[in-house]
C-alpha atoms as a PDB file:
ATOM      1  CA  MET A   1     103.637  98.425  97.730  1.00  0.00           C
ATOM      2  CA  SER A   2     101.364 101.415  98.390  1.00  0.00           C
ATOM      3  CA  SER A   3      98.475 102.136  96.052  1.00  0.00           C
ATOM      4  CA  ALA A   4      98.213 105.450  94.223  1.00  0.00           C
ATOM      5  CA  ALA A   5      95.332 106.369  96.528  1.00  0.00           C
ATOM      6  CA  ALA A   6      97.428 105.681  99.627  1.00  0.00           C
ATOM      7  CA  LYS A   7     100.336 107.752  98.318  1.00  0.00           C
ATOM      8  CA  ARG A   8      98.054 110.724  97.679  1.00  0.00           C
ATOM      9  CA  LEU A   9      97.008 110.716 101.340  1.00  0.00           C
ATOM     10  CA  GLU A  10     100.532 110.683 102.757  1.00  0.00           C
ATOM     11  CA  GLY A  11     101.142 113.429 105.287  1.00  0.00           C
ATOM     12  CA  LYS A  12      97.646 114.884 104.991  1.00  0.00           C
ATOM     13  CA  THR A  13      95.337 116.115 107.739  1.00  0.00           C
ATOM     14  CA  ILE A  14      91.652 115.353 107.220  1.00  0.00           C
ATOM     15  CA  LEU A  15      88.748 116.914 109.114  1.00  0.00           C
ATOM     16  CA  ILE A  16      85.453 115.002 109.272  1.00  0.00           C
ATOM     17  CA  THR A  17      82.317 116.354 110.936  1.00  0.00           C
ATOM     18  CA  GLY A  18      79.539 114.171 112.302  1.00  0.00           C
ATOM     19  CA  ALA A  19      82.050 111.361 112.800  1.00  0.00           C
ATOM     20  CA  SER A  20      80.485 109.722 115.852  1.00  0.00           C
ATOM     21  CA  SER A  21      78.323 107.388 113.736  1.00  0.00           C
ATOM     22  CA  GLY A  22      77.038 106.601 110.267  1.00  0.00           C
ATOM     23  CA  ILE A  23      78.730 108.009 107.185  1.00  0.00           C
ATOM     24  CA  GLY A  24      81.171 110.167 109.145  1.00  0.00           C
ATOM     25  CA  LYS A  25      82.448 107.272 111.226  1.00  0.00           C
ATOM     26  CA  SER A  26      82.766 105.007 108.182  1.00  0.00           C
ATOM     27  CA  THR A  27      84.593 107.752 106.284  1.00  0.00           C
ATOM     28  CA  ALA A  28      87.182 108.111 109.055  1.00  0.00           C
ATOM     29  CA  LEU A  29      87.746 104.360 109.070  1.00  0.00           C
ATOM     30  CA  GLU A  30      88.016 104.213 105.273  1.00  0.00           C
ATOM     31  CA  PHE A  31      90.638 106.971 105.176  1.00  0.00           C
ATOM     32  CA  ALA A  32      92.632 105.173 107.880  1.00  0.00           C
ATOM     33  CA  ARG A  33      92.394 101.819 106.117  1.00  0.00           C
ATOM     34  CA  THR A  34      93.435 103.348 102.772  1.00  0.00           C
ATOM     35  CA  ASN A  35      96.703 104.663 104.219  1.00  0.00           C
ATOM     36  CA  PRO A  36      97.417 103.104 107.626  1.00  0.00           C
ATOM     37  CA  ASN A  37     101.123 103.972 107.587  1.00  0.00           C
ATOM     38  CA  GLY A  38     101.484 107.273 105.771  1.00  0.00           C
ATOM     39  CA  ASN A  39     101.667 109.901 108.519  1.00  0.00           C
ATOM     40  CA  LEU A  40      97.936 110.492 108.101  1.00  0.00           C
ATOM     41  CA  ARG A  41      96.104 112.678 110.627  1.00  0.00           C
ATOM     42  CA  LEU A  42      92.350 112.503 111.203  1.00  0.00           C
ATOM     43  CA  ILE A  43      90.419 115.158 113.105  1.00  0.00           C
ATOM     44  CA  VAL A  44      87.053 113.614 113.954  1.00  0.00           C
ATOM     45  CA  THR A  45      84.319 115.872 115.327  1.00  0.00           C
ATOM     46  CA  ALA A  46      80.775 115.478 116.628  1.00  0.00           C
ATOM     47  CA  ARG A  47      78.653 116.298 119.637  1.00  0.00           C
ATOM     48  CA  ARG A  48      79.141 112.855 121.234  1.00  0.00           C
ATOM     49  CA  VAL A  49      82.737 112.867 122.354  1.00  0.00           C
ATOM     50  CA  ASP A  50      82.539 109.392 123.957  1.00  0.00           C
ATOM     51  CA  SER A  51      81.717 107.887 120.562  1.00  0.00           C
ATOM     52  CA  LEU A  52      84.602 109.820 119.006  1.00  0.00           C
ATOM     53  CA  GLU A  53      87.003 108.423 121.608  1.00  0.00           C
ATOM     54  CA  GLU A  54      85.830 104.899 120.784  1.00  0.00           C
ATOM     55  CA  LEU A  55      86.366 105.567 117.080  1.00  0.00           C
ATOM     56  CA  ALA A  56      89.850 106.945 117.724  1.00  0.00           C
ATOM     57  CA  ALA A  57      90.761 103.860 119.761  1.00  0.00           C
ATOM     58  CA  GLN A  58      89.487 101.576 116.990  1.00  0.00           C
ATOM     59  CA  ILE A  59      91.558 103.372 114.348  1.00  0.00           C
ATOM     60  CA  ARG A  60      94.694 103.366 116.475  1.00  0.00           C
ATOM     61  CA  LYS A  61      94.292  99.645 117.108  1.00  0.00           C
ATOM     62  CA  GLU A  62      93.591  98.767 113.456  1.00  0.00           C
ATOM     63  CA  THR A  63      96.561 100.798 112.175  1.00  0.00           C
ATOM     64  CA  ASN A  64      98.910  99.953 115.044  1.00  0.00           C
ATOM     65  CA  ASP A  65      99.082 103.692 115.811  1.00  0.00           C
ATOM     66  CA  GLY A  66     100.052 104.386 112.199  1.00  0.00           C
ATOM     67  CA  VAL A  67      97.236 106.943 111.878  1.00  0.00           C
ATOM     68  CA  LYS A  68      97.044 109.836 114.328  1.00  0.00           C
ATOM     69  CA  VAL A  69      93.515 110.698 115.480  1.00  0.00           C
ATOM     70  CA  LEU A  70      92.281 113.809 117.273  1.00  0.00           C
ATOM     71  CA  PRO A  71      88.693 113.602 118.611  1.00  0.00           C
ATOM     72  CA  VAL A  72      87.151 117.062 119.095  1.00  0.00           C
ATOM     73  CA  LYS A  73      83.709 117.886 120.451  1.00  0.00           C
ATOM     74  CA  LEU A  74      82.009 120.198 117.968  1.00  0.00           C
ATOM     75  CA  ASP A  75      78.383 121.113 117.419  1.00  0.00           C
ATOM     76  CA  VAL A  76      78.348 122.709 113.965  1.00  0.00           C
ATOM     77  CA  SER A  77      74.983 124.322 114.678  1.00  0.00           C
ATOM     78  CA  LYS A  78      76.712 126.621 117.179  1.00  0.00           C
ATOM     79  CA  ALA A  79      78.551 129.411 115.375  1.00  0.00           C
ATOM     80  CA  ASP A  80      80.670 130.261 118.433  1.00  0.00           C
ATOM     81  CA  GLU A  81      82.126 126.759 118.528  1.00  0.00           C
ATOM     82  CA  ILE A  82      83.109 126.955 114.864  1.00  0.00           C
ATOM     83  CA  ARG A  83      84.519 130.456 115.275  1.00  0.00           C
ATOM     84  CA  GLY A  84      87.081 129.227 117.793  1.00  0.00           C
ATOM     85  CA  PHE A  85      87.617 125.788 116.289  1.00  0.00           C
ATOM     86  CA  VAL A  86      90.818 126.180 114.264  1.00  0.00           C
ATOM     87  CA  GLY A  87      92.527 128.263 116.944  1.00  0.00           C
ATOM     88  CA  SER A  88      91.733 125.631 119.565  1.00  0.00           C
ATOM     89  CA  LEU A  89      93.520 122.872 117.640  1.00  0.00           C
ATOM     90  CA  PRO A  90      97.104 121.968 118.540  1.00  0.00           C
ATOM     91  CA  GLU A  91      99.357 123.794 116.080  1.00  0.00           C
ATOM     92  CA  GLU A  92     100.512 120.608 114.354  1.00  0.00           C
ATOM     93  CA  TRP A  93      96.868 119.784 113.510  1.00  0.00           C
ATOM     94  CA  ARG A  94      95.930 123.092 111.868  1.00  0.00           C
ATOM     95  CA  ASP A  95      97.346 122.382 108.393  1.00  0.00           C
ATOM     96  CA  ILE A  96      94.144 120.762 107.156  1.00  0.00           C
ATOM     97  CA  HIS A  97      94.065 119.369 103.605  1.00  0.00           C
ATOM     98  CA  VAL A  98      90.609 117.759 103.325  1.00  0.00           C
ATOM     99  CA  LEU A  99      87.317 118.922 104.852  1.00  0.00           C
ATOM    100  CA  VAL A 100      84.435 116.444 104.851  1.00  0.00           C
ATOM    101  CA  ASN A 101      81.245 118.330 105.739  1.00  0.00           C
ATOM    102  CA  ASN A 102      79.160 115.369 106.828  1.00  0.00           C
ATOM    103  CA  ALA A 103      77.302 116.555 109.941  1.00  0.00           C
ATOM    104  CA  GLY A 104      73.585 116.797 109.277  1.00  0.00           C
ATOM    105  CA  LEU A 105      70.192 115.699 110.528  1.00  0.00           C
ATOM    106  CA  VAL A 106      66.498 115.529 109.796  1.00  0.00           C
ATOM    107  CA  LYS A 107      63.692 116.019 112.281  1.00  0.00           C
ATOM    108  CA  GLY A 108      60.136 114.865 111.735  1.00  0.00           C
ATOM    109  CA  VAL A 109      57.921 114.234 108.730  1.00  0.00           C
ATOM    110  CA  ALA A 110      55.467 117.069 109.312  1.00  0.00           C
ATOM    111  CA  LYS A 111      53.891 118.974 106.445  1.00  0.00           C
ATOM    112  CA  ALA A 112      53.141 122.693 106.450  1.00  0.00           C
ATOM    113  CA  PRO A 113      51.690 124.273 108.531  1.00  0.00           C
ATOM    114  CA  GLU A 114      52.443 121.689 111.258  1.00  0.00           C
ATOM    115  CA  ILE A 115      56.258 121.899 110.969  1.00  0.00           C
ATOM    116  CA  ALA A 116      57.721 122.629 114.397  1.00  0.00           C
ATOM    117  CA  GLU A 117      59.780 125.804 114.596  1.00  0.00           C
ATOM    118  CA  ASP A 118      62.496 124.075 116.646  1.00  0.00           C
ATOM    119  CA  ASP A 119      62.847 121.342 114.010  1.00  0.00           C
ATOM    120  CA  LEU A 120      63.075 123.919 111.225  1.00  0.00           C
ATOM    121  CA  ASN A 121      65.731 125.923 113.065  1.00  0.00           C
ATOM    122  CA  ILE A 122      67.974 123.009 114.027  1.00  0.00           C
ATOM    123  CA  MET A 123      67.927 121.554 110.507  1.00  0.00           C
ATOM    124  CA  PHE A 124      68.970 124.839 108.910  1.00  0.00           C
ATOM    125  CA  ALA A 125      71.500 125.620 111.658  1.00  0.00           C
ATOM    126  CA  THR A 126      73.161 122.216 111.284  1.00  0.00           C
ATOM    127  CA  ASN A 127      72.778 121.305 107.625  1.00  0.00           C
ATOM    128  CA  VAL A 128      73.261 124.735 106.059  1.00  0.00           C
ATOM    129  CA  THR A 129      74.641 127.424 108.358  1.00  0.00           C
ATOM    130  CA  GLY A 130      76.991 125.025 110.149  1.00  0.00           C
ATOM    131  CA  LEU A 131      78.362 123.646 106.891  1.00  0.00           C
ATOM    132  CA  ILE A 132      78.927 127.136 105.492  1.00  0.00           C
ATOM    133  CA  ASN A 133      80.483 128.461 108.703  1.00  0.00           C
ATOM    134  CA  LEU A 134      82.945 125.584 108.943  1.00  0.00           C
ATOM    135  CA  THR A 135      83.839 125.876 105.258  1.00  0.00           C
ATOM    136  CA  GLN A 136      84.595 129.560 105.790  1.00  0.00           C
ATOM    137  CA  ALA A 137      86.754 128.708 108.802  1.00  0.00           C
ATOM    138  CA  ILE A 138      88.842 126.132 106.895  1.00  0.00           C
ATOM    139  CA  LEU A 139      88.998 127.734 103.434  1.00  0.00           C
ATOM    140  CA  PRO A 140      91.696 130.320 104.362  1.00  0.00           C
ATOM    141  CA  ILE A 141      94.018 127.420 105.271  1.00  0.00           C
ATOM    142  CA  PHE A 142      93.590 126.046 101.752  1.00  0.00           C
ATOM    143  CA  GLN A 143      93.970 129.454 100.110  1.00  0.00           C
ATOM    144  CA  LYS A 144      97.333 130.156 101.758  1.00  0.00           C
ATOM    145  CA  ARG A 145      98.986 127.294  99.915  1.00  0.00           C
ATOM    146  CA  PRO A 146     101.139 128.116  96.869  1.00  0.00           C
ATOM    147  CA  ASN A 147      99.930 128.374  93.283  1.00  0.00           C
ATOM    148  CA  GLY A 148      96.488 129.680  94.154  1.00  0.00           C
ATOM    149  CA  GLY A 149      95.770 127.353  97.038  1.00  0.00           C
ATOM    150  CA  GLN A 150      95.080 123.644  97.416  1.00  0.00           C
ATOM    151  CA  GLY A 151      92.668 121.406  99.347  1.00  0.00           C
ATOM    152  CA  ASP A 152      89.468 119.403  99.104  1.00  0.00           C
ATOM    153  CA  ILE A 153      86.003 120.374 100.326  1.00  0.00           C
ATOM    154  CA  ILE A 154      83.675 117.375 100.249  1.00  0.00           C
ATOM    155  CA  ASN A 155      80.042 118.091 101.094  1.00  0.00           C
ATOM    156  CA  ILE A 156      77.628 115.280 101.883  1.00  0.00           C
ATOM    157  CA  GLY A 157      74.379 116.280 100.222  1.00  0.00           C
ATOM    158  CA  SER A 158      71.366 114.096  99.468  1.00  0.00           C
ATOM    159  CA  ILE A 159      68.984 113.061  96.736  1.00  0.00           C
ATOM    160  CA  ALA A 160      66.588 115.212  98.803  1.00  0.00           C
ATOM    161  CA  GLY A 161      68.448 118.284  97.550  1.00  0.00           C
ATOM    162  CA  ARG A 162      67.600 117.338  93.991  1.00  0.00           C
ATOM    163  CA  GLU A 163      64.047 116.003  94.364  1.00  0.00           C
ATOM    164  CA  PRO A 164      61.830 117.300  97.190  1.00  0.00           C
ATOM    165  CA  TYR A 165      59.211 114.958  98.641  1.00  0.00           C
ATOM    166  CA  PRO A 166      56.118 115.361 100.847  1.00  0.00           C
ATOM    167  CA  GLY A 167      56.896 115.485 104.547  1.00  0.00           C
ATOM    168  CA  GLY A 168      60.487 116.458 103.918  1.00  0.00           C
ATOM    169  CA  SER A 169      60.158 120.056 102.794  1.00  0.00           C
ATOM    170  CA  ILE A 170      62.578 121.570 105.313  1.00  0.00           C
ATOM    171  CA  TYR A 171      65.199 118.833 105.063  1.00  0.00           C
ATOM    172  CA  CYS A 172      64.950 118.936 101.265  1.00  0.00           C
ATOM    173  CA  ALA A 173      65.319 122.717 101.347  1.00  0.00           C
ATOM    174  CA  THR A 174      68.465 122.451 103.466  1.00  0.00           C
ATOM    175  CA  LYS A 175      70.056 119.971 101.089  1.00  0.00           C
ATOM    176  CA  ALA A 176      69.090 122.085  98.081  1.00  0.00           C
ATOM    177  CA  ALA A 177      70.876 124.960  99.810  1.00  0.00           C
ATOM    178  CA  VAL A 178      73.968 122.780 100.254  1.00  0.00           C
ATOM    179  CA  ARG A 179      73.843 121.925  96.560  1.00  0.00           C
ATOM    180  CA  SER A 180      73.638 125.583  95.534  1.00  0.00           C
ATOM    181  CA  PHE A 181      76.401 126.604  97.926  1.00  0.00           C
ATOM    182  CA  THR A 182      78.627 123.800  96.634  1.00  0.00           C
ATOM    183  CA  GLU A 183      78.107 124.747  93.000  1.00  0.00           C
ATOM    184  CA  SER A 184      78.701 128.447  93.671  1.00  0.00           C
ATOM    185  CA  LEU A 185      81.839 127.721  95.681  1.00  0.00           C
ATOM    186  CA  ARG A 186      83.271 125.549  92.906  1.00  0.00           C
ATOM    187  CA  LYS A 187      82.827 128.425  90.459  1.00  0.00           C
ATOM    188  CA  GLU A 188      84.306 130.961  92.871  1.00  0.00           C
ATOM    189  CA  LEU A 189      87.424 128.811  93.332  1.00  0.00           C
ATOM    190  CA  ILE A 190      87.957 127.968  89.660  1.00  0.00           C
ATOM    191  CA  ALA A 191      91.340 129.769  89.564  1.00  0.00           C
ATOM    192  CA  THR A 192      92.693 127.655  92.432  1.00  0.00           C
ATOM    193  CA  ARG A 193      93.635 124.023  92.980  1.00  0.00           C
ATOM    194  CA  ILE A 194      90.908 123.711  95.617  1.00  0.00           C
ATOM    195  CA  ARG A 195      88.469 120.976  94.682  1.00  0.00           C
ATOM    196  CA  VAL A 196      84.798 121.233  95.637  1.00  0.00           C
ATOM    197  CA  ILE A 197      82.988 117.898  95.635  1.00  0.00           C
ATOM    198  CA  GLU A 198      79.466 116.801  96.512  1.00  0.00           C
ATOM    199  CA  VAL A 199      78.290 113.268  97.251  1.00  0.00           C
ATOM    200  CA  ASP A 200      74.500 112.823  97.203  1.00  0.00           C
ATOM    201  CA  PRO A 201      73.319 109.518  98.709  1.00  0.00           C
ATOM    202  CA  GLY A 202      69.930 107.994  98.188  1.00  0.00           C
ATOM    203  CA  GLN A 203      68.587 105.704 100.895  1.00  0.00           C
ATOM    204  CA  VAL A 204      71.253 104.850 103.473  1.00  0.00           C
ATOM    205  CA  GLU A 205      70.592 102.898 106.663  1.00  0.00           C
ATOM    206  CA  THR A 206      72.067 104.860 109.589  1.00  0.00           C
ATOM    207  CA  GLU A 207      70.877 106.446 112.848  1.00  0.00           C
ATOM    208  CA  PHE A 208      69.535 109.212 110.585  1.00  0.00           C
ATOM    209  CA  SER A 209      65.997 107.810 110.516  1.00  0.00           C
ATOM    210  CA  VAL A 210      65.978 107.213 114.262  1.00  0.00           C
ATOM    211  CA  VAL A 211      66.664 110.928 114.726  1.00  0.00           C
ATOM    212  CA  ARG A 212      63.968 111.782 112.190  1.00  0.00           C
ATOM    213  CA  PHE A 213      61.402 109.874 114.264  1.00  0.00           C
ATOM    214  CA  TYR A 214      62.604 111.326 117.569  1.00  0.00           C
ATOM    215  CA  GLY A 215      64.172 108.062 118.753  1.00  0.00           C
ATOM    216  CA  ASP A 216      61.374 105.696 117.674  1.00  0.00           C
ATOM    217  CA  LYS A 217      63.431 102.828 116.222  1.00  0.00           C
ATOM    218  CA  SER A 218      60.387 100.827 115.092  1.00  0.00           C
ATOM    219  CA  LYS A 219      59.296 103.676 112.812  1.00  0.00           C
ATOM    220  CA  ALA A 220      62.858 104.083 111.576  1.00  0.00           C
ATOM    221  CA  ASP A 221      63.180 100.372 110.802  1.00  0.00           C
ATOM    222  CA  ALA A 222      59.938 100.458 108.816  1.00  0.00           C
ATOM    223  CA  ILE A 223      61.596 102.837 106.338  1.00  0.00           C
ATOM    224  CA  TYR A 224      63.943 100.032 105.271  1.00  0.00           C
ATOM    225  CA  ALA A 225      61.418  97.167 105.255  1.00  0.00           C
ATOM    226  CA  GLY A 226      61.597  95.184 102.034  1.00  0.00           C
ATOM    227  CA  CYS A 227      64.651  97.151 100.885  1.00  0.00           C
ATOM    228  CA  ASP A 228      68.393  96.671 100.726  1.00  0.00           C
ATOM    229  CA  PRO A 229      69.597 100.209 101.467  1.00  0.00           C
ATOM    230  CA  LEU A 230      73.086 101.587 101.048  1.00  0.00           C
ATOM    231  CA  THR A 231      75.411 101.356 104.021  1.00  0.00           C
ATOM    232  CA  PRO A 232      77.614 104.107 105.460  1.00  0.00           C
ATOM    233  CA  ASP A 233      80.600 102.165 104.132  1.00  0.00           C
ATOM    234  CA  ASP A 234      79.265 102.492 100.577  1.00  0.00           C
ATOM    235  CA  ILE A 235      79.286 106.283 100.849  1.00  0.00           C
ATOM    236  CA  ALA A 236      82.617 106.363 102.693  1.00  0.00           C
ATOM    237  CA  GLU A 237      84.292 104.507  99.834  1.00  0.00           C
ATOM    238  CA  ILE A 238      83.060 107.155  97.377  1.00  0.00           C
ATOM    239  CA  VAL A 239      84.225 110.015  99.609  1.00  0.00           C
ATOM    240  CA  VAL A 240      87.714 108.547  99.938  1.00  0.00           C
ATOM    241  CA  PHE A 241      87.841 107.692  96.226  1.00  0.00           C
ATOM    242  CA  SER A 242      86.992 111.330  95.424  1.00  0.00           C
ATOM    243  CA  ALA A 243      89.714 112.640  97.737  1.00  0.00           C
ATOM    244  CA  THR A 244      92.388 110.331  96.349  1.00  0.00           C
ATOM    245  CA  ARG A 245      92.094 111.117  92.643  1.00  0.00           C
ATOM    246  CA  ARG A 246      94.913 112.892  90.841  1.00  0.00           C
ATOM    247  CA  GLU A 247      94.779 116.583  91.765  1.00  0.00           C
ATOM    248  CA  ASN A 248      93.486 117.611  88.335  1.00  0.00           C
ATOM    249  CA  VAL A 249      90.499 115.244  88.616  1.00  0.00           C
ATOM    250  CA  VAL A 250      87.365 116.633  90.263  1.00  0.00           C
ATOM    251  CA  LEU A 251      84.459 114.272  90.890  1.00  0.00           C
ATOM    252  CA  ALA A 252      82.146 117.252  91.133  1.00  0.00           C
ATOM    253  CA  GLU A 253      78.947 115.293  91.821  1.00  0.00           C
ATOM    254  CA  SER A 254      78.114 111.725  92.727  1.00  0.00           C
ATOM    255  CA  LEU A 255      74.467 110.633  92.956  1.00  0.00           C
ATOM    256  CA  VAL A 256      74.353 107.225  94.624  1.00  0.00           C
ATOM    257  CA  TYR A 257      71.319 104.915  94.801  1.00  0.00           C
ATOM    258  CA  PRO A 258      70.788 101.428  96.135  1.00  0.00           C
ATOM    259  CA  ASN A 259      69.610  99.037  93.432  1.00  0.00           C
ATOM    260  CA  HIS A 260      65.931  99.257  94.430  1.00  0.00           C
ATOM    261  CA  GLN A 261      65.774 103.051  94.144  1.00  0.00           C
ATOM    262  CA  ALA A 262      65.391 105.201  91.028  1.00  0.00           C
ATOM    263  CA  SER A 263      64.540 108.554  92.629  1.00  0.00           C
ATOM    264  CA  ALA A 264      63.591 110.041  95.982  1.00  0.00           C
ATOM    265  CA  LEU A 265      60.023 108.838  95.395  1.00  0.00           C
ATOM    266  CA  ILE A 266      60.451 105.708  93.263  1.00  0.00           C
ATOM    267  CA  MET A 267      61.503 102.598  95.166  1.00  0.00           C
ATOM    268  CA  HIS A 268      60.732  98.905  94.838  1.00  0.00           C
ATOM    269  CA  ARG A 269      59.995  97.047  98.048  1.00  0.00           C
ATOM    270  CA  ARG A 270      60.047  93.257  98.265  1.00  0.00           C
ATOM    271  CA  PRO A 271      57.015  91.667  99.954  1.00  0.00           C
ATOM    272  CA  THR A 272      57.683  91.072 103.664  1.00  0.00           C
END
C-alpha cells in the first residue's frame, strides 16, 4: 500500500539543482525512495555531469527503473545556461512540478577589506542570481496550470541568512537575499496554488566546507571536530516532507539545527 506522501508524488517531474553531492544528491535519492514506482521523473543538475550520471545509475538500480532520471549539466551562475535550459529539455520532461533550488557555495573566511572579488562574485552569481534566474525560468510552467497555477518552489537557505557571523559576511548576505526573495515571492503568489518553501539548515557536514577552504580537507574537517552535525539526508527528508504535504499545507520555513547548535554562533563542542 502506498503512503500518502508517495501518492502525492505520482506522475510528477522534479528539478533539483546542485545534485552531484551533498543535500541535492540526498534529496534526489529521498524523492526516489519515497515513490519508487509512481511514474516519477527526476531532473538532476550540477556542473559535474559524471557525478550526476553515477547518481542516475544508483536511482535506476534502487528503483528497478521505476523512477526516470535525466542528468543535465547546468551551472546556475551562468545566465545563458539557465536561459536555454527549459527549451533544451526533451518535451516530455518540461512539465515540471517541483523546483528544488539547492545549488550554492561559500568561498573563504576573509573579513573586509580582504574579501576577494572573485569569491564575492561567484557567491552572489550562484547563490542569489542563479536561484532567481532559474525560478523565473520555471515559474511560467507553474503559472500555466489551471485555477491560478500549481507547483512547489523549495529554496535551500541557511541559518547564515538569519544570523550573520564574522568571516561569512558575503555568504550570509547571499542567504539573506534568498530569504527576502523567498518571502516576497510567497506574497506575490498568494492568489495561486504555488507553494514557496524555504529550508534553512544549521551545521551540515558536506563538501561545502571543503569548497569554503579551497580544497583543504583538514581545515574543513576541523569545523566538525567535537560535533555531531546534520547530514544531507536529514535535510533531504525535510525537503521531501515539505513537498508531499496536502496541497493546502505550506511549510513556509524550516530552521533545522543539530542538537549541539543553538544559533549560528552558539555551539557546544565535546572535548577531543
